[in-house]
Amino acid sequence: MHTRIARHLALFIFLFSILTFGQSCGIYSFKDVSIDYSKIKTIKIGFFENKARYINPTLSPLLTNKIQQKIVSQTKLTRTNNDDANLQISGYISDYSVSTTAIAANQATGNRLNVGVHLIVKNNVENKTDEYDVSRNFDFSADLSLQQAEVKLQDQILSNITDEIFNRIFSNW
């Protein structure tokens, strides 16, 4: 009984120490978004057109909507359609391709869907424009057609690509 209490107490002290000393040393940060809200107040989010060789017709509108939702829900920025917004986010889907990842008995057993987005971030406050490429890979069984895999992977694709874009724009990583 005493050893159980001692273990719990030791664990509590250990976790408390990590949180206390980690924060004071600047090692740990619980802040995900790095925005100077005194300067950056408005954002314009453009439509993410699909310029990949293969066009998934639902990806562009769904991705644009998901990015808009994430920025509105996780920042204090006000969305606008004005060209004088403090930040302007635009881009396009640059890659949407499939490659084989596994072969057994001279037959494909695994495939990978590659999704890439070219991102343009215009900061009108600092008068600078940055461009980034973000991409993610999504594996699926070769037993599935591309259309079946798209349906199965759609939520994961949208979530992961949106997180990559959001982190590239707003996080201090």
Protein backbone atom coordinates (compact mmCIF):
# COMPACT_ATOMS: atom_id res chain seq x y z
CA MET A 1 0.00 0.00 0.00
CA HIS A 2 2.78 2.44 0.94
CA THR A 3 4.74 1.63 -2.21
CA ARG A 4 1.73 2.46 -4.37
CA ILE A 5 1.32 5.85 -2.67
CA ALA A 6 5.05 6.48 -2.96
CA ARG A 7 4.97 5.68 -6.70
CA HIS A 8 2.02 8.00 -7.28
CA LEU A 9 3.70 10.77 -5.30
CA ALA A 10 6.96 10.30 -7.22
CA LEU A 11 5.09 10.42 -10.54
CA PHE A 12 3.24 13.56 -9.48
CA ILE A 13 6.48 15.28 -8.44
CA PHE A 14 8.16 14.24 -11.69
CA LEU A 15 5.33 15.57 -13.88
CA PHE A 16 5.03 18.75 -11.81
CA SER A 17 8.78 19.33 -12.17
CA ILE A 18 8.70 18.88 -15.93
CA LEU A 19 5.83 21.32 -16.31
CA THR A 20 7.28 23.88 -13.92
CA PHE A 21 10.90 23.81 -15.08
CA GLY A 22 10.05 23.16 -18.71
CA GLN A 23 7.89 26.27 -18.94
CA SER A 24 10.33 28.49 -17.09
CA CYS A 25 13.23 27.39 -19.31
CA GLY A 26 11.17 27.91 -22.45
CA ILE A 27 11.49 24.27 -23.46
CA TYR A 28 7.79 23.52 -23.58
CA SER A 29 5.22 25.77 -25.14
CA PHE A 30 1.51 25.14 -25.14
CA LYS A 31 0.88 27.85 -27.72
CA ASP A 32 0.19 26.45 -31.18
CA VAL A 33 -0.45 29.65 -33.10
CA SER A 34 2.11 32.40 -33.49
CA ILE A 35 0.31 35.56 -34.69
CA ASP A 36 0.96 39.16 -33.68
CA TYR A 37 -2.68 40.18 -33.33
CA SER A 38 -1.68 43.82 -32.77
CA LYS A 39 -0.53 43.90 -36.43
CA ILE A 40 -2.40 41.05 -38.15
CA LYS A 41 -6.17 41.32 -37.82
CA THR A 42 -7.69 40.33 -41.16
CA ILE A 43 -7.22 37.46 -43.59
CA LYS A 44 -8.38 36.72 -47.12
CA ILE A 45 -8.46 33.03 -48.06
CA GLY A 46 -8.55 32.29 -51.78
CA PHE A 47 -9.93 29.23 -53.54
CA PHE A 48 -7.43 26.35 -53.80
CA GLU A 49 -7.72 25.31 -57.45
CA ASN A 50 -6.73 21.79 -58.54
CA LYS A 51 -3.87 22.05 -61.05
CA ALA A 52 -2.66 18.47 -60.66
CA ARG A 53 -2.59 16.12 -63.64
CA TYR A 54 -5.38 14.03 -62.14
CA ILE A 55 -8.34 16.09 -60.94
CA ASN A 56 -10.40 14.95 -57.99
CA PRO A 57 -13.41 17.26 -58.53
CA THR A 58 -14.42 17.43 -54.86
CA LEU A 59 -10.97 18.11 -53.40
CA SER A 60 -10.63 21.83 -54.23
CA PRO A 61 -13.89 23.05 -52.69
CA LEU A 62 -13.60 20.73 -49.68
CA LEU A 63 -9.98 21.72 -49.00
CA THR A 64 -10.73 25.43 -49.35
CA ASN A 65 -13.67 25.12 -46.96
CA LYS A 66 -11.66 23.08 -44.44
CA ILE A 67 -8.81 25.63 -44.44
CA GLN A 68 -11.30 28.48 -43.93
CA GLN A 69 -12.96 26.65 -41.03
CA LYS A 70 -9.66 25.86 -39.32
CA ILE A 71 -8.34 29.42 -39.57
CA VAL A 72 -11.60 30.94 -38.33
CA SER A 73 -11.95 28.46 -35.45
CA GLN A 74 -8.32 28.49 -34.28
CA THR A 75 -7.29 32.12 -34.71
CA LYS A 76 -8.74 35.52 -33.85
CA LEU A 77 -8.37 36.72 -37.44
CA THR A 78 -11.35 38.23 -39.22
CA ARG A 79 -12.08 36.83 -42.68
CA THR A 80 -12.57 39.32 -45.46
CA ASN A 81 -12.74 39.31 -49.25
CA ASN A 82 -10.85 42.60 -49.54
CA ASP A 83 -7.48 42.66 -51.28
CA ASP A 84 -6.10 44.87 -48.50
CA ALA A 85 -6.40 42.11 -45.89
CA ASN A 86 -3.37 41.88 -43.58
CA LEU A 87 -2.77 38.29 -44.77
CA GLN A 88 -3.78 36.77 -48.08
CA ILE A 89 -3.67 33.00 -48.38
CA SER A 90 -3.93 31.33 -51.76
CA GLY A 91 -2.57 28.32 -53.55
CA TYR A 92 -3.37 25.30 -55.62
CA ILE A 93 -3.28 21.53 -55.52
CA SER A 94 -0.05 20.75 -57.37
CA ASP A 95 0.16 16.97 -57.05
CA TYR A 96 -2.43 14.25 -56.92
CA SER A 97 -0.83 11.04 -58.06
CA VAL A 98 -0.67 7.35 -57.25
CA SER A 99 2.41 5.17 -56.98
CA THR A 100 2.92 1.51 -56.10
CA THR A 101 4.43 0.87 -52.67
CA ALA A 102 4.41 -2.91 -52.38
CA ILE A 103 4.66 -5.83 -54.79
CA ALA A 104 4.17 -9.52 -54.05
CA ALA A 105 4.16 -12.34 -56.59
CA ASN A 106 4.65 -9.81 -59.41
CA GLN A 107 1.47 -8.00 -58.42
CA ALA A 108 0.91 -4.65 -56.66
CA THR A 109 -0.32 -5.10 -53.10
CA GLY A 110 -0.05 -1.55 -51.87
CA ASN A 111 -0.49 1.91 -53.37
CA ARG A 112 0.22 5.44 -52.20
CA LEU A 113 -1.77 8.54 -53.02
CA ASN A 114 0.49 11.61 -53.04
CA VAL A 115 -1.23 14.95 -52.43
CA GLY A 116 0.72 18.19 -52.73
CA VAL A 117 -0.34 21.82 -52.33
CA HIS A 118 1.54 24.94 -53.38
CA LEU A 119 0.82 27.68 -50.85
CA ILE A 120 1.22 31.45 -51.29
CA VAL A 121 1.14 33.64 -48.17
CA LYS A 122 1.13 37.38 -48.75
CA ASN A 123 1.74 39.48 -45.64
CA ASN A 124 0.58 43.02 -46.51
CA VAL A 125 1.72 44.37 -43.13
CA GLU A 126 5.36 43.41 -43.72
CA ASN A 127 5.04 43.71 -47.52
CA LYS A 128 6.38 40.20 -48.15
CA THR A 129 5.21 37.09 -49.92
CA ASP A 130 6.28 33.55 -49.07
CA GLU A 131 5.61 30.39 -51.07
CA TYR A 132 5.66 26.89 -49.66
CA ASP A 133 5.00 23.37 -50.85
CA VAL A 134 3.31 20.95 -48.49
CA SER A 135 2.54 17.33 -49.21
CA ARG A 136 1.36 14.16 -47.57
CA ASN A 137 1.19 10.53 -48.62
CA PHE A 138 -1.74 8.21 -48.00
CA ASP A 139 -1.32 4.47 -48.34
CA PHE A 140 -4.10 2.15 -49.45
CA SER A 141 -4.53 -1.44 -50.54
CA ALA A 142 -4.06 -2.25 -54.23
CA ASP A 143 -7.34 -4.16 -53.95
CA LEU A 144 -9.11 -0.78 -53.97
CA SER A 145 -9.64 1.34 -57.05
CA LEU A 146 -8.48 4.96 -56.83
CA GLN A 147 -12.09 6.08 -56.53
CA GLN A 148 -12.72 3.67 -53.65
CA ALA A 149 -9.52 4.82 -51.92
CA GLU A 150 -10.50 8.49 -52.37
CA VAL A 151 -13.80 7.88 -50.60
CA LYS A 152 -12.11 5.96 -47.80
CA LEU A 153 -9.25 8.46 -47.36
CA GLN A 154 -11.10 11.75 -47.98
CA ASP A 155 -11.46 12.84 -44.33
CA GLN A 156 -7.84 11.90 -43.55
CA ILE A 157 -6.55 13.74 -46.64
CA LEU A 158 -8.48 16.91 -45.82
CA SER A 159 -7.51 16.86 -42.15
CA ASN A 160 -3.81 16.16 -42.70
CA ILE A 161 -3.29 18.60 -45.58
CA THR A 162 -5.22 21.32 -43.73
CA ASP A 163 -3.08 20.79 -40.62
CA GLU A 164 0.11 20.97 -42.73
CA ILE A 165 -1.02 24.23 -44.34
CA PHE A 166 -2.14 25.76 -41.05
CA ASN A 167 1.11 24.82 -39.29
CA ARG A 168 3.20 26.16 -42.17
CA ILE A 169 1.42 29.52 -42.02
CA PHE A 170 0.93 30.07 -38.28
CA SER A 171 3.23 27.91 -36.18
CA ASN A 172 6.72 28.65 -34.93
CA TRP A 173 8.20 25.24 -35.74
